[in-house]
Amino acid sequence: MGDRPYYVGPIGSGAIAKLVHNCVGYVIQAGLAEAFTMGVKAGVDPLALWLAVRQDAQGRRGVFERMPDHFLPGEYEPPDFALHLARKDIDLAVGVGREYDVPMRLANLALSEMTEALNRGWGELDSRAAMRLQEERAGVEVRATRQAIQAALDDAP
């Protein structure tokens, strides 16, 4: 899966890590397909859209690289981008999808998650605070201390 072997735990942990890796990749792939079909159907050239999007915060410093900022330590203040602003953006994207008859299943799910988090009073927290909802449903906290994160990053190639 990567450029070097990494111990993730006892027998079976590697298989779980592979499933997580593949699942995340395919969920992101589905999200990209959904968002890009909306953008192209709304009139943006696919190549221009890709070039613009790959230069944004998600492209330059993507989802995995940002996990240690808020989600892994479970710290959502100060926000990099407030939940209420992220919810506004996803709501606007869903609206464009509706205007151009583009199904936006994943975006609607994200909107629902962000709305629930907003209704809990988390609007001024970092947008990733909405990820706490899944932790609650699953009955598990996904946490690593800042020290452990830094040690892992220092050890990474």
C-alpha atoms as a PDB file:
ATOM      1  CA  MET A   1       0.000   0.000   0.000  1.00  0.00           C
ATOM      2  CA  GLY A   2       2.903   2.356   0.569  1.00  0.00           C
ATOM      3  CA  ASP A   3       6.545   2.876  -0.128  1.00  0.00           C
ATOM      4  CA  ARG A   4       7.766   1.069   2.983  1.00  0.00           C
ATOM      5  CA  PRO A   5       6.541  -1.614   5.369  1.00  0.00           C
ATOM      6  CA  TYR A   6       4.826  -0.370   8.506  1.00  0.00           C
ATOM      7  CA  TYR A   7       3.714  -2.365  11.538  1.00  0.00           C
ATOM      8  CA  VAL A   8       0.055  -1.640  12.321  1.00  0.00           C
ATOM      9  CA  GLY A   9      -0.574  -4.301  14.951  1.00  0.00           C
ATOM     10  CA  PRO A  10      -1.128  -7.994  15.531  1.00  0.00           C
ATOM     11  CA  ILE A  11      -2.277 -10.545  12.949  1.00  0.00           C
ATOM     12  CA  GLY A  12      -5.270  -9.225  11.035  1.00  0.00           C
ATOM     13  CA  SER A  13      -4.449  -5.533  11.577  1.00  0.00           C
ATOM     14  CA  GLY A  14      -2.797  -5.250   8.171  1.00  0.00           C
ATOM     15  CA  ALA A  15      -5.920  -6.574   6.467  1.00  0.00           C
ATOM     16  CA  ILE A  16      -8.045  -4.008   8.324  1.00  0.00           C
ATOM     17  CA  ALA A  17      -5.607  -1.220   7.368  1.00  0.00           C
ATOM     18  CA  LYS A  18      -5.866  -2.306   3.719  1.00  0.00           C
ATOM     19  CA  LEU A  19      -9.672  -2.229   3.878  1.00  0.00           C
ATOM     20  CA  VAL A  20      -9.599   1.257   5.433  1.00  0.00           C
ATOM     21  CA  HIS A  21      -7.169   2.412   2.729  1.00  0.00           C
ATOM     22  CA  ASN A  22      -9.300   1.048  -0.094  1.00  0.00           C
ATOM     23  CA  CYS A  23     -12.598   2.216   1.418  1.00  0.00           C
ATOM     24  CA  VAL A  24     -11.346   5.786   1.845  1.00  0.00           C
ATOM     25  CA  GLY A  25     -10.006   5.805  -1.696  1.00  0.00           C
ATOM     26  CA  TYR A  26     -13.258   4.644  -3.222  1.00  0.00           C
ATOM     27  CA  VAL A  27     -15.384   7.007  -1.124  1.00  0.00           C
ATOM     28  CA  ILE A  28     -13.162   9.898  -2.251  1.00  0.00           C
ATOM     29  CA  GLN A  29     -13.413   8.623  -5.826  1.00  0.00           C
ATOM     30  CA  ALA A  30     -17.216   8.631  -5.618  1.00  0.00           C
ATOM     31  CA  GLY A  31     -17.172  12.140  -4.152  1.00  0.00           C
ATOM     32  CA  LEU A  32     -14.894  13.387  -6.911  1.00  0.00           C
ATOM     33  CA  ALA A  33     -17.179  11.899  -9.560  1.00  0.00           C
ATOM     34  CA  GLU A  34     -20.203  13.538  -7.956  1.00  0.00           C
ATOM     35  CA  ALA A  35     -18.635  16.973  -7.546  1.00  0.00           C
ATOM     36  CA  PHE A  36     -16.949  17.031 -10.946  1.00  0.00           C
ATOM     37  CA  THR A  37     -20.113  15.983 -12.811  1.00  0.00           C
ATOM     38  CA  MET A  38     -21.897  18.869 -11.069  1.00  0.00           C
ATOM     39  CA  GLY A  39     -19.143  21.318 -12.023  1.00  0.00           C
ATOM     40  CA  VAL A  40     -18.930  20.187 -15.639  1.00  0.00           C
ATOM     41  CA  LYS A  41     -22.696  20.093 -16.106  1.00  0.00           C
ATOM     42  CA  ALA A  42     -22.792  23.648 -14.702  1.00  0.00           C
ATOM     43  CA  GLY A  43     -20.458  24.661 -17.532  1.00  0.00           C
ATOM     44  CA  VAL A  44     -16.890  24.465 -16.220  1.00  0.00           C
ATOM     45  CA  ASP A  45     -14.288  22.827 -18.459  1.00  0.00           C
ATOM     46  CA  PRO A  46     -13.137  19.530 -16.857  1.00  0.00           C
ATOM     47  CA  LEU A  47      -9.417  20.219 -17.220  1.00  0.00           C
ATOM     48  CA  ALA A  48      -9.731  23.789 -15.949  1.00  0.00           C
ATOM     49  CA  LEU A  49     -11.796  22.509 -13.032  1.00  0.00           C
ATOM     50  CA  TRP A  50      -9.231  19.862 -12.154  1.00  0.00           C
ATOM     51  CA  LEU A  51      -6.345  22.310 -12.400  1.00  0.00           C
ATOM     52  CA  ALA A  52      -8.147  24.798 -10.142  1.00  0.00           C
ATOM     53  CA  VAL A  53      -9.273  22.260  -7.545  1.00  0.00           C
ATOM     54  CA  ARG A  54      -5.934  20.485  -7.260  1.00  0.00           C
ATOM     55  CA  GLN A  55      -4.356  23.774  -6.187  1.00  0.00           C
ATOM     56  CA  ASP A  56      -6.740  24.371  -3.273  1.00  0.00           C
ATOM     57  CA  ALA A  57      -6.220  23.360   0.345  1.00  0.00           C
ATOM     58  CA  GLN A  58      -7.635  19.874  -0.263  1.00  0.00           C
ATOM     59  CA  GLY A  59      -5.385  19.303  -3.268  1.00  0.00           C
ATOM     60  CA  ARG A  60      -2.135  20.680  -1.863  1.00  0.00           C
ATOM     61  CA  ARG A  61      -2.596  19.362   1.621  1.00  0.00           C
ATOM     62  CA  GLY A  62      -5.249  16.716   1.343  1.00  0.00           C
ATOM     63  CA  VAL A  63      -7.547  14.875   3.671  1.00  0.00           C
ATOM     64  CA  PHE A  64      -4.960  12.471   5.101  1.00  0.00           C
ATOM     65  CA  GLU A  65      -2.386  15.172   5.720  1.00  0.00           C
ATOM     66  CA  ARG A  66      -4.921  17.266   7.646  1.00  0.00           C
ATOM     67  CA  MET A  67      -6.145  14.492   9.966  1.00  0.00           C
ATOM     68  CA  PRO A  68      -3.562  15.346  12.663  1.00  0.00           C
ATOM     69  CA  ASP A  69      -4.708  18.978  12.725  1.00  0.00           C
ATOM     70  CA  HIS A  70      -8.094  18.368  14.357  1.00  0.00           C
ATOM     71  CA  PHE A  71      -9.623  14.899  14.010  1.00  0.00           C
ATOM     72  CA  LEU A  72      -6.918  12.644  15.447  1.00  0.00           C
ATOM     73  CA  PRO A  73      -6.279  14.779  18.544  1.00  0.00           C
ATOM     74  CA  GLY A  74     -10.019  15.541  18.864  1.00  0.00           C
ATOM     75  CA  GLU A  75      -9.333  19.267  19.051  1.00  0.00           C
ATOM     76  CA  TYR A  76     -11.497  21.539  16.920  1.00  0.00           C
ATOM     77  CA  GLU A  77     -10.438  24.951  18.186  1.00  0.00           C
ATOM     78  CA  PRO A  78      -9.195  27.179  16.787  1.00  0.00           C
ATOM     79  CA  PRO A  79     -10.865  26.309  13.500  1.00  0.00           C
ATOM     80  CA  ASP A  80      -8.983  26.240  10.222  1.00  0.00           C
ATOM     81  CA  PHE A  81     -12.370  26.641   8.532  1.00  0.00           C
ATOM     82  CA  ALA A  82     -15.511  26.957  10.642  1.00  0.00           C
ATOM     83  CA  LEU A  83     -18.259  24.363  10.390  1.00  0.00           C
ATOM     84  CA  HIS A  84     -20.951  26.961   9.653  1.00  0.00           C
ATOM     85  CA  LEU A  85     -18.961  28.150   6.610  1.00  0.00           C
ATOM     86  CA  ALA A  86     -18.353  24.602   5.361  1.00  0.00           C
ATOM     87  CA  ARG A  87     -22.051  23.821   5.738  1.00  0.00           C
ATOM     88  CA  LYS A  88     -22.923  26.939   3.710  1.00  0.00           C
ATOM     89  CA  ASP A  89     -20.549  25.822   0.939  1.00  0.00           C
ATOM     90  CA  ILE A  90     -21.892  22.270   0.740  1.00  0.00           C
ATOM     91  CA  ASP A  91     -25.458  23.631   0.763  1.00  0.00           C
ATOM     92  CA  LEU A  92     -24.591  25.880  -2.196  1.00  0.00           C
ATOM     93  CA  ALA A  93     -23.036  22.931  -4.061  1.00  0.00           C
ATOM     94  CA  VAL A  94     -26.147  20.808  -3.466  1.00  0.00           C
ATOM     95  CA  GLY A  95     -28.208  23.713  -4.803  1.00  0.00           C
ATOM     96  CA  VAL A  96     -26.149  23.861  -8.002  1.00  0.00           C
ATOM     97  CA  GLY A  97     -26.545  20.107  -8.373  1.00  0.00           C
ATOM     98  CA  ARG A  98     -30.299  20.465  -8.015  1.00  0.00           C
ATOM     99  CA  GLU A  99     -30.337  23.323 -10.555  1.00  0.00           C
ATOM    100  CA  TYR A 100     -28.522  21.161 -13.144  1.00  0.00           C
ATOM    101  CA  ASP A 101     -30.275  17.874 -12.287  1.00  0.00           C
ATOM    102  CA  VAL A 102     -27.101  16.244 -10.972  1.00  0.00           C
ATOM    103  CA  PRO A 103     -27.653  13.634  -8.242  1.00  0.00           C
ATOM    104  CA  MET A 104     -25.659  14.704  -5.161  1.00  0.00           C
ATOM    105  CA  ARG A 105     -26.056  11.720  -2.816  1.00  0.00           C
ATOM    106  CA  LEU A 106     -22.753  12.101  -0.993  1.00  0.00           C
ATOM    107  CA  ALA A 107     -22.993  15.877  -0.820  1.00  0.00           C
ATOM    108  CA  ASN A 108     -26.483  15.595   0.654  1.00  0.00           C
ATOM    109  CA  LEU A 109     -25.161  13.167   3.237  1.00  0.00           C
ATOM    110  CA  ALA A 110     -22.339  15.569   4.096  1.00  0.00           C
ATOM    111  CA  LEU A 111     -24.871  18.412   4.307  1.00  0.00           C
ATOM    112  CA  SER A 112     -26.998  16.362   6.680  1.00  0.00           C
ATOM    113  CA  GLU A 113     -23.973  15.592   8.876  1.00  0.00           C
ATOM    114  CA  MET A 114     -22.913  19.225   8.970  1.00  0.00           C
ATOM    115  CA  THR A 115     -26.452  20.389   9.706  1.00  0.00           C
ATOM    116  CA  GLU A 116     -26.712  17.975  12.633  1.00  0.00           C
ATOM    117  CA  ALA A 117     -23.353  19.176  13.966  1.00  0.00           C
ATOM    118  CA  LEU A 118     -24.428  22.796  13.493  1.00  0.00           C
ATOM    119  CA  ASN A 119     -27.637  22.081  15.421  1.00  0.00           C
ATOM    120  CA  ARG A 120     -25.478  20.854  18.299  1.00  0.00           C
ATOM    121  CA  GLY A 121     -23.912  24.272  18.526  1.00  0.00           C
ATOM    122  CA  TRP A 122     -20.625  23.350  16.858  1.00  0.00           C
ATOM    123  CA  GLY A 123     -20.812  26.020  14.150  1.00  0.00           C
ATOM    124  CA  GLU A 124     -17.743  27.970  15.289  1.00  0.00           C
ATOM    125  CA  LEU A 125     -15.614  24.825  15.636  1.00  0.00           C
ATOM    126  CA  ASP A 126     -13.478  23.489  12.797  1.00  0.00           C
ATOM    127  CA  SER A 127     -15.543  21.880  10.052  1.00  0.00           C
ATOM    128  CA  ARG A 128     -14.070  18.487  10.947  1.00  0.00           C
ATOM    129  CA  ALA A 129     -16.015  18.606  14.224  1.00  0.00           C
ATOM    130  CA  ALA A 130     -18.871  16.996  12.282  1.00  0.00           C
ATOM    131  CA  MET A 131     -16.724  13.847  12.154  1.00  0.00           C
ATOM    132  CA  ARG A 132     -17.503  13.407  15.864  1.00  0.00           C
ATOM    133  CA  LEU A 133     -21.023  12.318  14.913  1.00  0.00           C
ATOM    134  CA  GLN A 134     -19.716   9.135  13.300  1.00  0.00           C
ATOM    135  CA  GLU A 135     -17.533   8.445  16.318  1.00  0.00           C
ATOM    136  CA  GLU A 136     -20.636   8.691  18.508  1.00  0.00           C
ATOM    137  CA  ARG A 137     -22.641   6.365  16.255  1.00  0.00           C
ATOM    138  CA  ALA A 138     -19.810   3.841  16.141  1.00  0.00           C
ATOM    139  CA  GLY A 139     -19.151   4.078  19.878  1.00  0.00           C
ATOM    140  CA  VAL A 140     -15.426   4.739  19.454  1.00  0.00           C
ATOM    141  CA  GLU A 141     -13.112   7.743  19.568  1.00  0.00           C
ATOM    142  CA  VAL A 142     -10.400   7.946  16.919  1.00  0.00           C
ATOM    143  CA  ARG A 143      -7.636   9.647  18.909  1.00  0.00           C
ATOM    144  CA  ALA A 144      -3.889  10.096  19.020  1.00  0.00           C
ATOM    145  CA  THR A 145      -1.986  12.540  21.186  1.00  0.00           C
ATOM    146  CA  ARG A 146      -0.186  15.423  19.526  1.00  0.00           C
ATOM    147  CA  GLN A 147       3.095  13.961  20.826  1.00  0.00           C
ATOM    148  CA  ALA A 148       2.395  10.559  19.262  1.00  0.00           C
ATOM    149  CA  ILE A 149       1.376  12.237  15.991  1.00  0.00           C
ATOM    150  CA  GLN A 150       4.581  14.272  15.908  1.00  0.00           C
ATOM    151  CA  ALA A 151       6.695  11.191  16.688  1.00  0.00           C
ATOM    152  CA  ALA A 152       5.015   9.312  13.827  1.00  0.00           C
ATOM    153  CA  LEU A 153       5.576  12.221  11.438  1.00  0.00           C
ATOM    154  CA  ASP A 154       9.218  12.508  12.494  1.00  0.00           C
ATOM    155  CA  ASP A 155       9.661   8.792  11.755  1.00  0.00           C
ATOM    156  CA  ALA A 156       7.880   8.966   8.379  1.00  0.00           C
ATOM    157  CA  PRO A 157       9.927   9.022   5.178  1.00  0.00           C
END
